[in-house]
Structures are given as structure tokens and as C-alpha cells.
PDB file of N, CA and C in Angstrom:
ATOM      1  N   MET A   1      36.672  44.645  17.245  1.00  0.00           N
ATOM      2  CA  MET A   1      36.721  43.291  17.754  1.00  0.00           C
ATOM      3  C   MET A   1      38.170  42.949  18.095  1.00  0.00           C
ATOM      4  N   LEU A   2      38.339  42.258  19.188  1.00  0.00           N
ATOM      5  CA  LEU A   2      39.645  41.810  19.651  1.00  0.00           C
ATOM      6  C   LEU A   2      40.070  40.584  18.853  1.00  0.00           C
ATOM      7  N   LEU A   3      41.323  40.588  18.386  1.00  0.00           N
ATOM      8  CA  LEU A   3      41.882  39.403  17.736  1.00  0.00           C
ATOM      9  C   LEU A   3      42.753  38.683  18.754  1.00  0.00           C
ATOM     10  N   ILE A   4      42.494  37.399  18.931  1.00  0.00           N
ATOM     11  CA  ILE A   4      43.251  36.594  19.876  1.00  0.00           C
ATOM     12  C   ILE A   4      44.126  35.629  19.075  1.00  0.00           C
ATOM     13  N   PRO A   5      45.450  35.644  19.323  1.00  0.00           N
ATOM     14  CA  PRO A   5      46.336  34.757  18.567  1.00  0.00           C
ATOM     15  C   PRO A   5      46.374  33.339  19.146  1.00  0.00           C
ATOM     16  N   CYS A   6      45.638  32.436  18.529  1.00  0.00           N
ATOM     17  CA  CYS A   6      45.674  31.027  18.918  1.00  0.00           C
ATOM     18  C   CYS A   6      47.052  30.468  18.536  1.00  0.00           C
ATOM     19  N   PRO A   7      47.730  29.764  19.443  1.00  0.00           N
ATOM     20  CA  PRO A   7      49.052  29.208  19.112  1.00  0.00           C
ATOM     21  C   PRO A   7      49.035  28.210  17.955  1.00  0.00           C
ATOM     22  N   TRP A   8      47.877  27.626  17.656  1.00  0.00           N
ATOM     23  CA  TRP A   8      47.783  26.657  16.568  1.00  0.00           C
ATOM     24  C   TRP A   8      47.175  27.267  15.300  1.00  0.00           C
ATOM     25  N   CYS A   9      46.195  28.144  15.449  1.00  0.00           N
ATOM     26  CA  CYS A   9      45.436  28.641  14.292  1.00  0.00           C
ATOM     27  C   CYS A   9      45.801  30.067  13.873  1.00  0.00           C
ATOM     28  N   GLY A  10      46.539  30.778  14.703  1.00  0.00           N
ATOM     29  CA  GLY A  10      46.863  32.170  14.406  1.00  0.00           C
ATOM     30  C   GLY A  10      45.784  33.108  14.931  1.00  0.00           C
ATOM     31  N   PRO A  11      45.878  34.394  14.587  1.00  0.00           N
ATOM     32  CA  PRO A  11      44.912  35.389  15.085  1.00  0.00           C
ATOM     33  C   PRO A  11      43.501  35.119  14.583  1.00  0.00           C
ATOM     34  N   ARG A  12      42.565  35.082  15.508  1.00  0.00           N
ATOM     35  CA  ARG A  12      41.162  34.826  15.189  1.00  0.00           C
ATOM     36  C   ARG A  12      40.300  35.773  16.000  1.00  0.00           C
ATOM     37  N   PRO A  13      39.061  36.060  15.575  1.00  0.00           N
ATOM     38  CA  PRO A  13      38.181  36.968  16.315  1.00  0.00           C
ATOM     39  C   PRO A  13      37.787  36.417  17.683  1.00  0.00           C
ATOM     40  N   GLU A  14      37.624  37.314  18.623  1.00  0.00           N
ATOM     41  CA  GLU A  14      37.361  36.936  20.014  1.00  0.00           C
ATOM     42  C   GLU A  14      36.134  36.051  20.204  1.00  0.00           C
ATOM     43  N   ASN A  15      35.132  36.149  19.318  1.00  0.00           N
ATOM     44  CA  ASN A  15      33.920  35.344  19.507  1.00  0.00           C
ATOM     45  C   ASN A  15      34.146  33.855  19.226  1.00  0.00           C
ATOM     46  N   GLU A  16      35.351  33.461  18.804  1.00  0.00           N
ATOM     47  CA  GLU A  16      35.684  32.050  18.620  1.00  0.00           C
ATOM     48  C   GLU A  16      36.229  31.417  19.902  1.00  0.00           C
ATOM     49  N   PHE A  17      36.429  32.219  20.951  1.00  0.00           N
ATOM     50  CA  PHE A  17      37.119  31.756  22.150  1.00  0.00           C
ATOM     51  C   PHE A  17      36.248  31.839  23.393  1.00  0.00           C
ATOM     52  N   ARG A  18      36.644  31.091  24.417  1.00  0.00           N
ATOM     53  CA  ARG A  18      36.033  31.188  25.746  1.00  0.00           C
ATOM     54  C   ARG A  18      37.137  31.299  26.772  1.00  0.00           C
ATOM     55  N   HIS A  19      36.949  32.222  27.673  1.00  0.00           N
ATOM     56  CA  HIS A  19      37.869  32.394  28.794  1.00  0.00           C
ATOM     57  C   HIS A  19      37.687  31.205  29.731  1.00  0.00           C
ATOM     58  N   ALA A  20      38.785  30.623  30.194  1.00  0.00           N
ATOM     59  CA  ALA A  20      38.690  29.432  31.043  1.00  0.00           C
ATOM     60  C   ALA A  20      39.344  29.646  32.408  1.00  0.00           C
ATOM     61  N   GLY A  21      39.513  30.900  32.798  1.00  0.00           N
ATOM     62  CA  GLY A  21      40.004  31.191  34.142  1.00  0.00           C
ATOM     63  C   GLY A  21      41.484  31.448  34.234  1.00  0.00           C
ATOM     64  N   GLN A  22      41.934  31.569  35.454  1.00  0.00           N
ATOM     65  CA  GLN A  22      43.332  31.846  35.744  1.00  0.00           C
ATOM     66  C   GLN A  22      44.199  30.655  35.353  1.00  0.00           C
ATOM     67  N   ALA A  23      45.335  30.935  34.753  1.00  0.00           N
ATOM     68  CA  ALA A  23      46.265  29.864  34.365  1.00  0.00           C
ATOM     69  C   ALA A  23      47.164  29.497  35.537  1.00  0.00           C
ATOM     70  N   HIS A  24      47.781  28.349  35.424  1.00  0.00           N
ATOM     71  CA  HIS A  24      48.814  27.882  36.346  1.00  0.00           C
ATOM     72  C   HIS A  24      48.294  27.590  37.748  1.00  0.00           C
ATOM     73  N   ILE A  25      47.068  27.117  37.858  1.00  0.00           N
ATOM     74  CA  ILE A  25      46.527  26.689  39.141  1.00  0.00           C
ATOM     75  C   ILE A  25      46.935  25.222  39.336  1.00  0.00           C
ATOM     76  N   THR A  26      47.627  24.941  40.398  1.00  0.00           N
ATOM     77  CA  THR A  26      48.107  23.591  40.662  1.00  0.00           C
ATOM     78  C   THR A  26      47.107  22.844  41.542  1.00  0.00           C
ATOM     79  N   ARG A  27      46.665  21.707  41.050  1.00  0.00           N
ATOM     80  CA  ARG A  27      45.734  20.873  41.812  1.00  0.00           C
ATOM     81  C   ARG A  27      46.455  20.284  43.021  1.00  0.00           C
ATOM     82  N   PRO A  28      45.813  20.265  44.181  1.00  0.00           N
ATOM     83  CA  PRO A  28      46.437  19.652  45.359  1.00  0.00           C
ATOM     84  C   PRO A  28      46.759  18.180  45.082  1.00  0.00           C
ATOM     85  N   PRO A  29      47.915  17.685  45.549  1.00  0.00           N
ATOM     86  CA  PRO A  29      48.298  16.303  45.257  1.00  0.00           C
ATOM     87  C   PRO A  29      47.338  15.262  45.830  1.00  0.00           C
ATOM     88  N   ASP A  30      46.752  15.561  46.984  1.00  0.00           N
ATOM     89  CA  ASP A  30      45.803  14.633  47.585  1.00  0.00           C
ATOM     90  C   ASP A  30      44.593  15.425  48.104  1.00  0.00           C
ATOM     91  N   PRO A  31      43.626  15.703  47.229  1.00  0.00           N
ATOM     92  CA  PRO A  31      42.481  16.524  47.627  1.00  0.00           C
ATOM     93  C   PRO A  31      41.708  15.981  48.828  1.00  0.00           C
ATOM     94  N   MET A  32      41.746  14.672  49.034  1.00  0.00           N
ATOM     95  CA  MET A  32      41.001  14.080  50.148  1.00  0.00           C
ATOM     96  C   MET A  32      41.538  14.510  51.517  1.00  0.00           C
ATOM     97  N   THR A  33      42.753  15.031  51.556  1.00  0.00           N
ATOM     98  CA  THR A  33      43.332  15.461  52.835  1.00  0.00           C
ATOM     99  C   THR A  33      42.949  16.898  53.174  1.00  0.00           C
ATOM    100  N   LEU A  34      42.307  17.610  52.246  1.00  0.00           N
ATOM    101  CA  LEU A  34      41.943  19.006  52.482  1.00  0.00           C
ATOM    102  C   LEU A  34      40.636  19.108  53.253  1.00  0.00           C
ATOM    103  N   ASN A  35      40.561  20.098  54.133  1.00  0.00           N
ATOM    104  CA  ASN A  35      39.276  20.367  54.773  1.00  0.00           C
ATOM    105  C   ASN A  35      38.400  21.150  53.795  1.00  0.00           C
ATOM    106  N   ASP A  36      37.158  21.382  54.144  1.00  0.00           N
ATOM    107  CA  ASP A  36      36.228  22.047  53.237  1.00  0.00           C
ATOM    108  C   ASP A  36      36.691  23.445  52.849  1.00  0.00           C
ATOM    109  N   GLU A  37      37.244  24.184  53.797  1.00  0.00           N
ATOM    110  CA  GLU A  37      37.699  25.555  53.520  1.00  0.00           C
ATOM    111  C   GLU A  37      38.866  25.557  52.523  1.00  0.00           C
ATOM    112  N   ALA A  38      39.820  24.665  52.703  1.00  0.00           N
ATOM    113  CA  ALA A  38      40.966  24.595  51.791  1.00  0.00           C
ATOM    114  C   ALA A  38      40.525  24.145  50.397  1.00  0.00           C
ATOM    115  N   TRP A  39      39.581  23.213  50.320  1.00  0.00           N
ATOM    116  CA  TRP A  39      39.080  22.753  49.020  1.00  0.00           C
ATOM    117  C   TRP A  39      38.323  23.877  48.314  1.00  0.00           C
ATOM    118  N   ALA A  40      37.502  24.609  49.047  1.00  0.00           N
ATOM    119  CA  ALA A  40      36.779  25.750  48.471  1.00  0.00           C
ATOM    120  C   ALA A  40      37.751  26.810  47.977  1.00  0.00           C
ATOM    121  N   ASP A  41      38.816  27.056  48.729  1.00  0.00           N
ATOM    122  CA  ASP A  41      39.838  28.016  48.282  1.00  0.00           C
ATOM    123  C   ASP A  41      40.448  27.578  46.960  1.00  0.00           C
ATOM    124  N   PHE A  42      40.778  26.286  46.840  1.00  0.00           N
ATOM    125  CA  PHE A  42      41.341  25.787  45.594  1.00  0.00           C
ATOM    126  C   PHE A  42      40.360  25.960  44.429  1.00  0.00           C
ATOM    127  N   LEU A  43      39.096  25.644  44.663  1.00  0.00           N
ATOM    128  CA  LEU A  43      38.105  25.696  43.590  1.00  0.00           C
ATOM    129  C   LEU A  43      37.732  27.110  43.159  1.00  0.00           C
ATOM    130  N   TYR A  44      37.624  28.027  44.120  1.00  0.00           N
ATOM    131  CA  TYR A  44      36.995  29.318  43.814  1.00  0.00           C
ATOM    132  C   TYR A  44      37.861  30.559  43.984  1.00  0.00           C
ATOM    133  N   MET A  45      38.880  30.509  44.797  1.00  0.00           N
ATOM    134  CA  MET A  45      39.644  31.720  45.066  1.00  0.00           C
ATOM    135  C   MET A  45      40.712  31.924  43.993  1.00  0.00           C
ATOM    136  N   ARG A  46      40.618  33.045  43.312  1.00  0.00           N
ATOM    137  CA  ARG A  46      41.562  33.388  42.254  1.00  0.00           C
ATOM    138  C   ARG A  46      42.005  34.829  42.448  1.00  0.00           C
ATOM    139  N   THR A  47      43.169  35.136  41.876  1.00  0.00           N
ATOM    140  CA  THR A  47      43.626  36.520  41.929  1.00  0.00           C
ATOM    141  C   THR A  47      42.806  37.329  40.934  1.00  0.00           C
ATOM    142  N   ASN A  48      42.717  38.599  41.169  1.00  0.00           N
ATOM    143  CA  ASN A  48      41.982  39.487  40.280  1.00  0.00           C
ATOM    144  C   ASN A  48      42.804  40.768  40.122  1.00  0.00           C
ATOM    145  N   PRO A  49      43.964  40.643  39.450  1.00  0.00           N
ATOM    146  CA  PRO A  49      44.877  41.780  39.392  1.00  0.00           C
ATOM    147  C   PRO A  49      44.438  42.856  38.416  1.00  0.00           C
ATOM    148  N   LYS A  50      44.923  44.034  38.663  1.00  0.00           N
ATOM    149  CA  LYS A  50      44.779  45.129  37.720  1.00  0.00           C
ATOM    150  C   LYS A  50      46.094  45.165  36.957  1.00  0.00           C
ATOM    151  N   GLY A  51      46.069  44.760  35.702  1.00  0.00           N
ATOM    152  CA  GLY A  51      47.291  44.692  34.900  1.00  0.00           C
ATOM    153  C   GLY A  51      47.487  43.314  34.299  1.00  0.00           C
ATOM    154  N   SER A  52      48.745  42.934  34.142  1.00  0.00           N
ATOM    155  CA  SER A  52      49.097  41.683  33.490  1.00  0.00           C
ATOM    156  C   SER A  52      48.623  40.473  34.301  1.00  0.00           C
ATOM    157  N   HIS A  53      48.034  39.504  33.585  1.00  0.00           N
ATOM    158  CA  HIS A  53      47.448  38.340  34.253  1.00  0.00           C
ATOM    159  C   HIS A  53      47.562  37.127  33.335  1.00  0.00           C
ATOM    160  N   ALA A  54      48.023  35.990  33.882  1.00  0.00           N
ATOM    161  CA  ALA A  54      48.112  34.742  33.116  1.00  0.00           C
ATOM    162  C   ALA A  54      46.756  34.048  33.148  1.00  0.00           C
ATOM    163  N   GLU A  55      46.245  33.736  31.974  1.00  0.00           N
ATOM    164  CA  GLU A  55      44.908  33.149  31.858  1.00  0.00           C
ATOM    165  C   GLU A  55      44.938  31.914  30.966  1.00  0.00           C
ATOM    166  N   ARG A  56      43.913  31.099  31.100  1.00  0.00           N
ATOM    167  CA  ARG A  56      43.703  29.944  30.249  1.00  0.00           C
ATOM    168  C   ARG A  56      42.531  30.295  29.326  1.00  0.00           C
ATOM    169  N   TRP A  57      42.666  29.991  28.040  1.00  0.00           N
ATOM    170  CA  TRP A  57      41.617  30.219  27.055  1.00  0.00           C
ATOM    171  C   TRP A  57      41.409  28.946  26.255  1.00  0.00           C
ATOM    172  N   ARG A  58      40.240  28.844  25.618  1.00  0.00           N
ATOM    173  CA  ARG A  58      39.947  27.704  24.745  1.00  0.00           C
ATOM    174  C   ARG A  58      39.399  28.216  23.418  1.00  0.00           C
ATOM    175  N   HIS A  59      39.930  27.691  22.333  1.00  0.00           N
ATOM    176  CA  HIS A  59      39.493  28.067  20.981  1.00  0.00           C
ATOM    177  C   HIS A  59      38.332  27.156  20.582  1.00  0.00           C
ATOM    178  N   ILE A  60      37.144  27.452  21.116  1.00  0.00           N
ATOM    179  CA  ILE A  60      36.011  26.540  20.961  1.00  0.00           C
ATOM    180  C   ILE A  60      35.476  26.438  19.527  1.00  0.00           C
ATOM    181  N   HIS A  61      35.574  27.526  18.755  1.00  0.00           N
ATOM    182  CA  HIS A  61      35.066  27.488  17.375  1.00  0.00           C
ATOM    183  C   HIS A  61      36.210  27.395  16.376  1.00  0.00           C
ATOM    184  N   GLY A  62      37.259  26.719  16.786  1.00  0.00           N
ATOM    185  CA  GLY A  62      38.425  26.507  15.932  1.00  0.00           C
ATOM    186  C   GLY A  62      38.981  25.129  16.236  1.00  0.00           C
ATOM    187  N   CYS A  63      40.216  25.101  16.697  1.00  0.00           N
ATOM    188  CA  CYS A  63      40.880  23.820  16.957  1.00  0.00           C
ATOM    189  C   CYS A  63      40.380  23.134  18.226  1.00  0.00           C
ATOM    190  N   GLY A  64      39.670  23.872  19.104  1.00  0.00           N
ATOM    191  CA  GLY A  64      39.126  23.286  20.321  1.00  0.00           C
ATOM    192  C   GLY A  64      40.140  23.139  21.447  1.00  0.00           C
ATOM    193  N   ARG A  65      41.349  23.606  21.246  1.00  0.00           N
ATOM    194  CA  ARG A  65      42.416  23.414  22.230  1.00  0.00           C
ATOM    195  C   ARG A  65      42.465  24.542  23.260  1.00  0.00           C
ATOM    196  N   PHE A  66      42.993  24.172  24.429  1.00  0.00           N
ATOM    197  CA  PHE A  66      43.268  25.155  25.468  1.00  0.00           C
ATOM    198  C   PHE A  66      44.657  25.729  25.245  1.00  0.00           C
ATOM    199  N   PHE A  67      44.852  26.983  25.660  1.00  0.00           N
ATOM    200  CA  PHE A  67      46.169  27.606  25.603  1.00  0.00           C
ATOM    201  C   PHE A  67      46.260  28.664  26.690  1.00  0.00           C
ATOM    202  N   ASN A  68      47.467  29.116  26.938  1.00  0.00           N
ATOM    203  CA  ASN A  68      47.707  30.155  27.937  1.00  0.00           C
ATOM    204  C   ASN A  68      47.872  31.497  27.253  1.00  0.00           C
ATOM    205  N   ALA A  69      47.451  32.545  27.931  1.00  0.00           N
ATOM    206  CA  ALA A  69      47.601  33.905  27.416  1.00  0.00           C
ATOM    207  C   ALA A  69      47.977  34.829  28.557  1.00  0.00           C
ATOM    208  N   GLU A  70      48.775  35.816  28.248  1.00  0.00           N
ATOM    209  CA  GLU A  70      49.040  36.879  29.202  1.00  0.00           C
ATOM    210  C   GLU A  70      48.289  38.102  28.704  1.00  0.00           C
ATOM    211  N   ARG A  71      47.284  38.524  29.497  1.00  0.00           N
ATOM    212  CA  ARG A  71      46.398  39.622  29.091  1.00  0.00           C
ATOM    213  C   ARG A  71      46.430  40.718  30.143  1.00  0.00           C
ATOM    214  N   ASP A  72      46.408  41.959  29.678  1.00  0.00           N
ATOM    215  CA  ASP A  72      46.312  43.104  30.581  1.00  0.00           C
ATOM    216  C   ASP A  72      44.835  43.322  30.876  1.00  0.00           C
ATOM    217  N   THR A  73      44.447  43.217  32.138  1.00  0.00           N
ATOM    218  CA  THR A  73      43.038  43.319  32.504  1.00  0.00           C
ATOM    219  C   THR A  73      42.493  44.739  32.418  1.00  0.00           C
ATOM    220  N   VAL A  74      43.377  45.722  32.289  1.00  0.00           N
ATOM    221  CA  VAL A  74      42.937  47.115  32.164  1.00  0.00           C
ATOM    222  C   VAL A  74      42.661  47.462  30.702  1.00  0.00           C
ATOM    223  N   THR A  75      43.595  47.101  29.818  1.00  0.00           N
ATOM    224  CA  THR A  75      43.478  47.471  28.406  1.00  0.00           C
ATOM    225  C   THR A  75      42.894  46.359  27.540  1.00  0.00           C
ATOM    226  N   ASP A  76      42.821  45.141  28.055  1.00  0.00           N
ATOM    227  CA  ASP A  76      42.395  43.945  27.321  1.00  0.00           C
ATOM    228  C   ASP A  76      43.428  43.509  26.285  1.00  0.00           C
ATOM    229  N   ARG A  77      44.592  44.131  26.244  1.00  0.00           N
ATOM    230  CA  ARG A  77      45.647  43.775  25.290  1.00  0.00           C
ATOM    231  C   ARG A  77      46.251  42.429  25.676  1.00  0.00           C
ATOM    232  N   ILE A  78      46.370  41.539  24.708  1.00  0.00           N
ATOM    233  CA  ILE A  78      47.007  40.252  24.932  1.00  0.00           C
ATOM    234  C   ILE A  78      48.463  40.385  24.514  1.00  0.00           C
ATOM    235  N   ALA A  79      49.361  40.260  25.497  1.00  0.00           N
ATOM    236  CA  ALA A  79      50.789  40.410  25.242  1.00  0.00           C
ATOM    237  C   ALA A  79      51.324  39.237  24.429  1.00  0.00           C
ATOM    238  N   HIS A  80      50.937  38.015  24.798  1.00  0.00           N
ATOM    239  CA  HIS A  80      51.332  36.828  24.044  1.00  0.00           C
ATOM    240  C   HIS A  80      50.509  35.623  24.495  1.00  0.00           C
ATOM    241  N   THR A  81      50.542  34.609  23.656  1.00  0.00           N
ATOM    242  CA  THR A  81      49.871  33.347  23.951  1.00  0.00           C
ATOM    243  C   THR A  81      50.875  32.220  23.774  1.00  0.00           C
ATOM    244  N   SER A  82      50.572  31.070  24.380  1.00  0.00           N
ATOM    245  CA  SER A  82      51.449  29.911  24.231  1.00  0.00           C
ATOM    246  C   SER A  82      50.652  28.629  24.431  1.00  0.00           C
ATOM    247  N   LYS A  83      51.198  27.563  23.918  1.00  0.00           N
ATOM    248  CA  LYS A  83      50.608  26.248  24.135  1.00  0.00           C
ATOM    249  C   LYS A  83      50.739  25.893  25.613  1.00  0.00           C
ATOM    250  N   PRO A  84      49.901  25.012  26.146  1.00  0.00           N
ATOM    251  CA  PRO A  84      50.040  24.607  27.550  1.00  0.00           C
ATOM    252  C   PRO A  84      51.479  24.180  27.828  1.00  0.00           C
ATOM    253  N   GLY A  85      51.953  24.617  28.986  1.00  0.00           N
ATOM    254  CA  GLY A  85      53.347  24.390  29.330  1.00  0.00           C
ATOM    255  C   GLY A  85      54.181  25.628  29.052  1.00  0.00           C
ATOM    256  N   GLY A  86      53.591  26.614  28.359  1.00  0.00           N
ATOM    257  CA  GLY A  86      54.277  27.863  28.070  1.00  0.00           C
ATOM    258  C   GLY A  86      53.969  28.901  29.131  1.00  0.00           C
ATOM    259  N   LEU A  87      54.512  30.077  28.999  1.00  0.00           N
ATOM    260  CA  LEU A  87      54.342  31.193  29.940  1.00  0.00           C
ATOM    261  C   LEU A  87      54.735  30.766  31.347  1.00  0.00           C
ATOM    262  N   GLY A  88      55.671  29.863  31.465  1.00  0.00           N
ATOM    263  CA  GLY A  88      56.193  29.513  32.764  1.00  0.00           C
ATOM    264  C   GLY A  88      55.622  28.263  33.399  1.00  0.00           C
ATOM    265  N   HIS A  89      54.404  27.825  33.025  1.00  0.00           N
ATOM    266  CA  HIS A  89      53.787  26.668  33.684  1.00  0.00           C
ATOM    267  C   HIS A  89      52.884  25.939  32.702  1.00  0.00           C
ATOM    268  N   GLY A  90      52.180  24.896  33.239  1.00  0.00           N
ATOM    269  CA  GLY A  90      51.234  24.119  32.443  1.00  0.00           C
ATOM    270  C   GLY A  90      49.957  24.784  32.403  1.00  0.00           C
TER     271      GLY A  90
END
């Protein structure tokens, strides 16, 4: 079982967490100005790298908080985690 280090609770088993997608996605300042294609890109288009990737996770069966993690998508190894605002962005 993978242990994920929650920034608030410490290392916990993976079944306590939910993946919440790519981290550091910036919401458009005025979504009403976007056409349908640009809005769909914002909502659904994400990178899918082989290797290191910044992700958002939630500790649903613990503190309930969201946090950022840098995970290798090939090995599943989590290099580090941080509270929102860490790993370079919110």
C-alpha cells in the first residue's frame, strides 16, 4: 500500500485520499468572455506527463483538506507534498 504524506496529518494509507486532478490550474479571470471551446479547454484539458507531475489531493478520511503533491506518474512515488500555496502555486 502506498503511504501518502498529508501535510497536516503525516503519512497515511492511500485509501484515505482522493486524487483531485492537476494542480496549479488558474481559473480565467472572466469566464463569461470565453467561447465554448476555450471554456471546455479550461474545464477538461490537462497535461498527462510521463514522470513528475504536480497534483491536487484531498485527505477525505482524515482532516478533509486539499493539498498539493508532486508524484511520478511512472513509479507512483510521491516526491513531496505541501499545503495549498506550496510547490510553486496555489
